[in-house]
Amino acid sequence: MAARQTTVFKTGNSAAVRLLGDCRLPRGTRVRVYRDARRIVVEPVDQWPAPFLEALGSFSDEIPRPTDNRKQRNPFTSR
């Protein structure tokens, strides 16, 4: 993918950038925006991170479920 240039413009009280060509995202896509040194990164948040996907299935032991040993309160009594 070759880098392309675009221009920052103002829409309302926000700065905006038109995503060109294969950088376009579907309308309504939730994104995470952060600064990395001089770069500004925009990435979709509706996808699982690659390290998480790579780790799927790597833990073979059974994970015990916690038990709730607290007494249940009777909602029909005063205490």
C-alpha atoms as a PDB file:
ATOM      1  CA  MET A   1       0.000   0.000   0.000  1.00  0.00           C
ATOM      2  CA  ALA A   2       1.550   3.250  -1.090  1.00  0.00           C
ATOM      3  CA  ALA A   3       1.270   6.265   1.203  1.00  0.00           C
ATOM      4  CA  ARG A   4      -1.070   8.974  -0.020  1.00  0.00           C
ATOM      5  CA  GLN A   5      -1.464  12.565   1.100  1.00  0.00           C
ATOM      6  CA  THR A   6      -4.638  14.246   2.279  1.00  0.00           C
ATOM      7  CA  THR A   7      -5.460  17.418   4.195  1.00  0.00           C
ATOM      8  CA  VAL A   8      -6.755  17.978   7.724  1.00  0.00           C
ATOM      9  CA  PHE A   9      -9.940  20.052   7.726  1.00  0.00           C
ATOM     10  CA  LYS A  10     -12.332  21.332  10.361  1.00  0.00           C
ATOM     11  CA  THR A  11     -15.841  19.987  10.836  1.00  0.00           C
ATOM     12  CA  GLY A  12     -17.719  21.588  13.711  1.00  0.00           C
ATOM     13  CA  ASN A  13     -15.229  21.880  16.586  1.00  0.00           C
ATOM     14  CA  SER A  14     -13.216  18.844  15.484  1.00  0.00           C
ATOM     15  CA  ALA A  15     -10.327  18.218  13.127  1.00  0.00           C
ATOM     16  CA  ALA A  16     -11.072  15.640  10.422  1.00  0.00           C
ATOM     17  CA  VAL A  17      -9.165  13.712   7.766  1.00  0.00           C
ATOM     18  CA  ARG A  18     -10.676  12.056   4.713  1.00  0.00           C
ATOM     19  CA  LEU A  19      -9.517   8.423   4.506  1.00  0.00           C
ATOM     20  CA  LEU A  20      -8.639   7.707   0.899  1.00  0.00           C
ATOM     21  CA  GLY A  21      -8.794   4.537  -1.187  1.00  0.00           C
ATOM     22  CA  ASP A  22      -8.059   1.305   0.650  1.00  0.00           C
ATOM     23  CA  CYS A  23      -7.785   3.190   3.964  1.00  0.00           C
ATOM     24  CA  ARG A  24     -11.568   3.768   4.024  1.00  0.00           C
ATOM     25  CA  LEU A  25     -13.572   2.259   6.869  1.00  0.00           C
ATOM     26  CA  PRO A  26     -17.299   1.468   6.774  1.00  0.00           C
ATOM     27  CA  ARG A  27     -19.507   4.271   8.059  1.00  0.00           C
ATOM     28  CA  GLY A  28     -20.107   3.970  11.809  1.00  0.00           C
ATOM     29  CA  THR A  29     -16.926   1.957  12.488  1.00  0.00           C
ATOM     30  CA  ARG A  30     -15.700   2.639  16.049  1.00  0.00           C
ATOM     31  CA  VAL A  31     -12.016   3.534  16.066  1.00  0.00           C
ATOM     32  CA  ARG A  32      -9.253   4.062  18.606  1.00  0.00           C
ATOM     33  CA  VAL A  33      -7.030   7.094  18.020  1.00  0.00           C
ATOM     34  CA  TYR A  34      -3.674   7.591  19.678  1.00  0.00           C
ATOM     35  CA  ARG A  35      -0.404   9.388  19.155  1.00  0.00           C
ATOM     36  CA  ASP A  36       2.821   7.407  18.635  1.00  0.00           C
ATOM     37  CA  ALA A  37       5.666   9.943  18.599  1.00  0.00           C
ATOM     38  CA  ARG A  38       4.883  12.075  15.519  1.00  0.00           C
ATOM     39  CA  ARG A  39       2.380   9.601  14.054  1.00  0.00           C
ATOM     40  CA  ILE A  40      -1.359   9.644  14.739  1.00  0.00           C
ATOM     41  CA  VAL A  41      -2.775   6.120  14.562  1.00  0.00           C
ATOM     42  CA  VAL A  42      -6.430   5.351  13.770  1.00  0.00           C
ATOM     43  CA  GLU A  43      -7.442   1.693  14.173  1.00  0.00           C
ATOM     44  CA  PRO A  44     -10.784  -0.125  14.375  1.00  0.00           C
ATOM     45  CA  VAL A  45     -11.764  -1.267  17.893  1.00  0.00           C
ATOM     46  CA  ASP A  46     -14.277  -3.883  16.787  1.00  0.00           C
ATOM     47  CA  GLN A  47     -11.517  -6.379  16.021  1.00  0.00           C
ATOM     48  CA  TRP A  48      -9.598  -8.485  18.528  1.00  0.00           C
ATOM     49  CA  PRO A  49      -5.880  -7.599  18.771  1.00  0.00           C
ATOM     50  CA  ALA A  50      -3.591  -9.996  16.871  1.00  0.00           C
ATOM     51  CA  PRO A  51      -1.673 -11.157  19.996  1.00  0.00           C
ATOM     52  CA  PHE A  52      -4.982 -12.172  21.589  1.00  0.00           C
ATOM     53  CA  LEU A  53      -6.075 -14.143  18.523  1.00  0.00           C
ATOM     54  CA  GLU A  54      -2.685 -15.875  18.366  1.00  0.00           C
ATOM     55  CA  ALA A  55      -3.022 -16.929  22.028  1.00  0.00           C
ATOM     56  CA  LEU A  56      -6.429 -18.586  21.557  1.00  0.00           C
ATOM     57  CA  GLY A  57      -6.313 -22.267  22.397  1.00  0.00           C
ATOM     58  CA  SER A  58      -2.822 -22.116  23.868  1.00  0.00           C
ATOM     59  CA  PHE A  59      -3.994 -22.810  27.460  1.00  0.00           C
ATOM     60  CA  SER A  60      -5.122 -26.437  27.744  1.00  0.00           C
ATOM     61  CA  ASP A  61      -5.751 -26.730  31.512  1.00  0.00           C
ATOM     62  CA  GLU A  62      -9.278 -26.374  32.857  1.00  0.00           C
ATOM     63  CA  ILE A  63      -9.914 -23.032  34.524  1.00  0.00           C
ATOM     64  CA  PRO A  64     -11.835 -23.501  37.795  1.00  0.00           C
ATOM     65  CA  ARG A  65     -14.895 -21.318  38.245  1.00  0.00           C
ATOM     66  CA  PRO A  66     -15.036 -19.309  41.464  1.00  0.00           C
ATOM     67  CA  THR A  67     -17.779 -20.247  43.900  1.00  0.00           C
ATOM     68  CA  ASP A  68     -19.958 -17.819  45.781  1.00  0.00           C
ATOM     69  CA  ASN A  69     -19.966 -18.984  49.411  1.00  0.00           C
ATOM     70  CA  ARG A  70     -21.861 -15.977  50.715  1.00  0.00           C
ATOM     71  CA  LYS A  71     -25.291 -16.529  52.254  1.00  0.00           C
ATOM     72  CA  GLN A  72     -28.089 -15.343  50.051  1.00  0.00           C
ATOM     73  CA  ARG A  73     -30.195 -12.600  51.622  1.00  0.00           C
ATOM     74  CA  ASN A  74     -33.906 -13.251  51.771  1.00  0.00           C
ATOM     75  CA  PRO A  75     -35.491 -10.187  50.123  1.00  0.00           C
ATOM     76  CA  PHE A  76     -38.752 -10.751  52.057  1.00  0.00           C
ATOM     77  CA  THR A  77     -37.282 -10.331  55.542  1.00  0.00           C
ATOM     78  CA  SER A  78     -36.258  -7.150  57.289  1.00  0.00           C
ATOM     79  CA  ARG A  79     -32.618  -8.231  57.632  1.00  0.00           C
END
